Protein backbone atom coordinates (compact mmCIF):
# COMPACT_ATOMS: atom_id res chain seq x y z
CA MET A 1 76.63 182.97 92.76
CA ASN A 2 74.21 185.18 90.82
CA PHE A 3 72.51 184.01 87.76
CA ASP A 4 74.68 185.02 84.75
CA VAL A 5 72.24 186.34 82.25
CA LYS A 6 75.16 187.00 79.70
CA TYR A 7 76.29 183.36 79.76
CA PHE A 8 72.67 181.97 79.71
CA ILE A 9 72.03 184.05 76.55
CA SER A 10 75.42 182.94 74.88
CA ALA A 11 74.68 179.25 75.65
CA PHE A 12 71.97 179.00 73.20
CA PRO A 13 73.97 179.27 69.93
CA ASP A 14 76.46 176.92 71.31
CA LEU A 15 73.95 174.30 72.11
CA LEU A 16 72.09 174.85 68.87
CA LYS A 17 75.14 173.57 67.07
CA TYR A 18 74.33 170.07 68.33
CA ILE A 19 70.62 170.03 67.82
CA ASN A 20 70.99 168.43 64.35
CA TYR A 21 71.83 165.22 66.24
CA THR A 22 68.81 165.36 68.49
CA ILE A 23 66.33 166.09 65.64
CA ALA A 24 67.87 163.44 63.33
CA MET A 25 67.52 160.82 66.01
CA ALA A 26 64.01 161.62 66.94
CA VAL A 27 62.66 162.03 63.42
CA THR A 28 64.38 158.89 61.96
CA SER A 29 63.61 156.60 64.95
CA THR A 30 59.98 157.73 64.68
CA LEU A 31 59.81 156.92 60.87
CA ILE A 32 61.46 153.62 61.10
CA GLY A 33 59.60 152.86 64.37
CA PHE A 34 56.21 153.54 62.56
CA VAL A 35 56.99 151.18 59.65
CA LEU A 36 58.03 148.37 61.99
CA ALA A 37 55.02 149.11 64.40
CA SER A 38 52.52 149.04 61.47
CA VAL A 39 53.85 145.49 60.71
CA LEU A 40 53.72 144.36 64.32
CA ALA A 41 50.28 145.65 64.78
CA LEU A 42 48.97 143.83 61.81
CA ILE A 43 50.46 140.58 62.92
CA ARG A 44 48.86 140.89 66.33
CA ILE A 45 45.37 141.81 64.79
CA PHE A 46 45.38 138.77 62.37
CA ASN A 47 47.12 136.62 65.13
CA ILE A 48 49.44 134.92 62.54
CA LYS A 49 50.59 131.60 64.16
CA GLY A 50 54.02 131.59 65.40
CA LEU A 51 54.87 135.36 64.55
CA SER A 52 52.23 136.62 66.93
CA GLN A 53 53.82 135.08 69.81
CA ILE A 54 57.22 136.39 68.85
CA VAL A 55 55.69 140.03 68.46
CA ASN A 56 54.24 139.57 71.88
CA ILE A 57 57.44 138.96 73.42
CA PHE A 58 59.18 141.79 71.47
CA ILE A 59 56.60 144.35 72.61
CA SER A 60 56.63 143.05 76.00
CA PHE A 61 60.44 143.27 76.40
CA PHE A 62 60.78 146.83 74.97
CA ARG A 63 57.90 148.17 76.98
CA SER A 64 59.01 146.54 80.31
CA THR A 65 62.75 147.41 80.26
CA PRO A 66 64.45 150.66 80.51
CA LEU A 67 65.63 152.26 77.29
CA LEU A 68 69.03 152.87 79.07
CA VAL A 69 69.48 149.13 79.64
CA GLN A 70 68.41 148.34 76.04
CA LEU A 71 71.14 150.80 74.77
CA PHE A 72 73.75 149.13 76.91
CA ILE A 73 72.72 145.82 75.66
CA PHE A 74 72.67 146.71 72.01
CA TYR A 75 75.78 149.01 72.05
CA TYR A 76 78.13 147.23 74.61
CA GLY A 77 76.67 143.73 74.92
CA LEU A 78 75.74 142.45 71.32
CA PRO A 79 78.99 143.33 69.82
CA GLN A 80 80.71 140.85 72.23
CA ILE A 81 78.49 138.21 70.70
CA ILE A 82 77.98 139.41 67.04
CA LYS A 83 81.34 140.53 65.75
CA PRO A 84 79.96 142.65 62.91
CA LEU A 85 78.31 145.07 65.43
CA LYS A 86 81.51 145.80 66.83
CA ASP A 87 82.11 148.70 64.46
CA ILE A 88 78.58 150.41 64.77
CA SER A 89 78.64 153.89 65.68
CA PRO A 90 76.99 155.63 68.63
CA LEU A 91 74.57 157.47 66.24
CA THR A 92 73.54 154.37 64.58
CA ALA A 93 73.05 152.57 67.82
CA MET A 94 70.87 155.21 69.22
CA ILE A 95 68.77 155.27 66.20
CA VAL A 96 68.40 151.55 66.16
CA GLY A 97 67.57 151.62 69.75
CA LEU A 98 64.94 154.29 69.85
CA SER A 99 63.49 152.74 66.73
CA LEU A 100 62.93 149.41 68.36
CA CYS A 101 61.56 150.87 71.68
CA GLY A 102 59.45 153.33 69.89
CA SER A 103 57.88 150.65 67.45
CA ALA A 104 56.83 148.59 70.62
CA TYR A 105 54.91 151.50 71.86
CA MET A 106 53.50 152.70 68.30
CA ALA A 107 52.37 149.03 67.67
CA GLU A 108 49.88 149.11 70.54
CA VAL A 109 48.78 152.55 69.44
CA ILE A 110 48.18 151.50 66.10
CA ARG A 111 46.63 148.21 66.94
CA GLY A 112 44.14 150.17 69.06
CA ALA A 113 43.39 152.46 66.51
CA ILE A 114 42.74 149.99 63.92
CA THR A 115 40.42 147.85 66.29
CA SER A 116 38.48 151.05 66.93
CA ILE A 117 37.27 151.29 63.32
CA ASP A 118 33.81 149.62 62.94
CA LYS A 119 34.18 146.12 61.67
CA GLY A 120 31.29 146.71 59.31
CA GLN A 121 33.59 148.69 57.24
CA LEU A 122 35.94 145.87 56.65
CA GLU A 123 33.04 143.58 55.85
CA ALA A 124 31.61 146.08 53.36
CA SER A 125 34.97 146.47 51.64
CA LEU A 126 35.29 142.68 51.06
CA SER A 127 31.61 142.37 49.92
CA VAL A 128 32.39 144.73 47.02
CA GLY A 129 35.41 142.69 45.95
CA MET A 130 38.27 144.12 47.77
CA THR A 131 40.96 142.01 49.25
CA TYR A 132 41.96 142.37 52.90
CA ILE A 133 45.14 144.16 51.70
CA GLN A 134 43.11 146.64 49.57
CA ALA A 135 40.46 147.23 52.23
CA PHE A 136 43.03 147.83 54.98
CA ARG A 137 45.19 150.18 52.69
CA ARG A 138 42.15 152.16 51.46
CA ILE A 139 39.51 152.12 54.03
CA ILE A 140 40.80 151.00 57.51
CA TYR A 141 44.26 152.06 57.68
CA PRO A 142 43.70 155.81 56.55
CA GLN A 143 41.00 156.26 59.32
CA ALA A 144 43.14 154.34 62.03
CA ILE A 145 46.14 156.72 61.37
CA ARG A 146 43.93 159.70 62.18
CA VAL A 147 42.95 158.08 65.43
CA ALA A 148 46.44 157.12 66.03
CA ILE A 149 48.28 160.53 65.49
CA PRO A 150 47.94 161.83 68.98
CA GLY A 151 49.64 158.71 70.51
CA ILE A 152 52.34 158.36 67.85
CA GLY A 153 52.93 162.27 68.65
CA ASN A 154 53.48 161.52 72.26
CA ILE A 155 55.92 158.78 71.34
CA PHE A 156 57.81 161.26 69.09
CA VAL A 157 58.06 163.51 72.15
CA ASP A 158 59.44 160.86 74.29
CA LEU A 159 61.86 159.62 71.74
CA LEU A 160 62.99 163.14 71.28
CA LYS A 161 63.67 163.52 75.10
CA SER A 162 65.11 160.17 75.23
CA SER A 163 67.77 160.92 72.55
CA SER A 164 69.43 162.83 75.30
CA LEU A 165 70.78 159.32 76.56
CA ALA A 166 72.96 159.34 73.46
CA PHE A 167 75.74 160.97 75.76
CA VAL A 168 76.23 157.48 77.61
CA LEU A 169 77.19 155.83 74.19
CA GLY A 170 79.83 158.73 73.89
CA LEU A 171 77.75 160.80 71.30
CA THR A 172 78.36 164.57 71.72
CA GLU A 173 74.71 165.79 71.32
CA ILE A 174 72.99 168.68 72.90
CA LEU A 175 72.70 167.31 76.43
CA ALA A 176 76.33 166.10 76.48
CA ARG A 177 77.32 169.68 75.16
CA ALA A 178 75.39 171.25 78.16
CA GLN A 179 76.96 168.96 80.66
CA MET A 180 80.44 169.90 79.38
CA SER A 181 79.62 173.60 79.57
CA ALA A 182 78.33 173.23 83.10
CA ALA A 183 81.36 171.48 84.12
CA SER A 184 83.92 173.91 82.67
CA SER A 185 82.26 177.06 83.63
CA PHE A 186 80.43 176.01 86.88
CA LYS A 187 77.28 177.82 85.33
CA VAL A 188 74.93 174.87 85.96
CA MET A 189 71.69 176.69 86.13
CA GLU A 190 72.46 178.72 83.07
CA SER A 191 73.60 175.77 80.95
CA TYR A 192 70.72 173.39 82.06
CA LEU A 193 67.96 176.09 81.89
CA SER A 194 68.98 177.08 78.38
CA LEU A 195 68.90 173.29 77.37
CA ALA A 196 65.51 172.94 78.92
CA ILE A 197 64.06 175.84 76.83
CA ILE A 198 65.45 174.50 73.71
CA TYR A 199 63.84 171.19 74.27
CA TRP A 200 60.47 173.18 75.25
CA ILE A 201 60.55 175.12 72.19
CA ILE A 202 61.05 172.06 69.83
CA VAL A 203 58.34 170.13 71.45
CA GLU A 204 56.03 173.19 71.08
CA ILE A 205 56.73 173.56 67.37
CA PHE A 206 55.96 169.85 66.97
CA ASN A 207 52.88 170.20 68.77
CA PHE A 208 51.83 173.10 66.52
CA LEU A 209 52.50 170.99 63.43
CA GLN A 210 50.72 168.00 65.13
CA ARG A 211 47.68 170.05 65.44
CA ILE A 212 47.71 171.21 61.79
CA ILE A 213 47.94 167.59 60.68
CA GLU A 214 45.11 166.62 63.02
CA LYS A 215 42.93 169.44 61.81
CA LYS A 216 43.58 168.56 58.23
CA LEU A 217 42.91 164.84 58.57
CA SER A 218 39.77 165.48 60.47
CA LYS A 219 37.98 167.61 57.77
CA ALA A 220 36.16 164.69 56.23
CA TYR A 221 34.65 163.89 59.80
């Protein structure tokens, strides 16, 4: 069969109707994961007794196991043990799963960024009367975030692409729609190529925005 250009072009409007799920899952999970990762990173840096060991296990688990397995455990496994989770929606399960997985990776990125800042800056901050919290909030953390942005950006892209796993939980998002279109029309190449281009465009738009943010934060340096 020849490549159907007309069907290929018509597939874009149909797939774009479901792009809101993909964007919502990626952005929301990145924001939640970032907040959680910041806390995890600080716990590891300050080596808080008891909590530090738990955080190490958390990060090790989510970085060492496939996201798909994590989603199955959370969506299909935990509701058998924890009854209130029985009514959780696929969208909520995906956001929670992506947030937890993303936070494990972002925690290491943020920790590395914080430790890259010269310790003399923290000592200088404390010497002028700042508390540890004030020093981190005003001096250390803003510089660390500038360093961490490329790594966090890569994790966002990974979460964006990983959101395609939502179809295994029964959520009809952009990949699930492409699969249904390919199965019903037998236009496999046209359906999946249009899907790939949409993902490509979204990632390139984000890369453009990331470069703007990096440039803006690097002005002082």
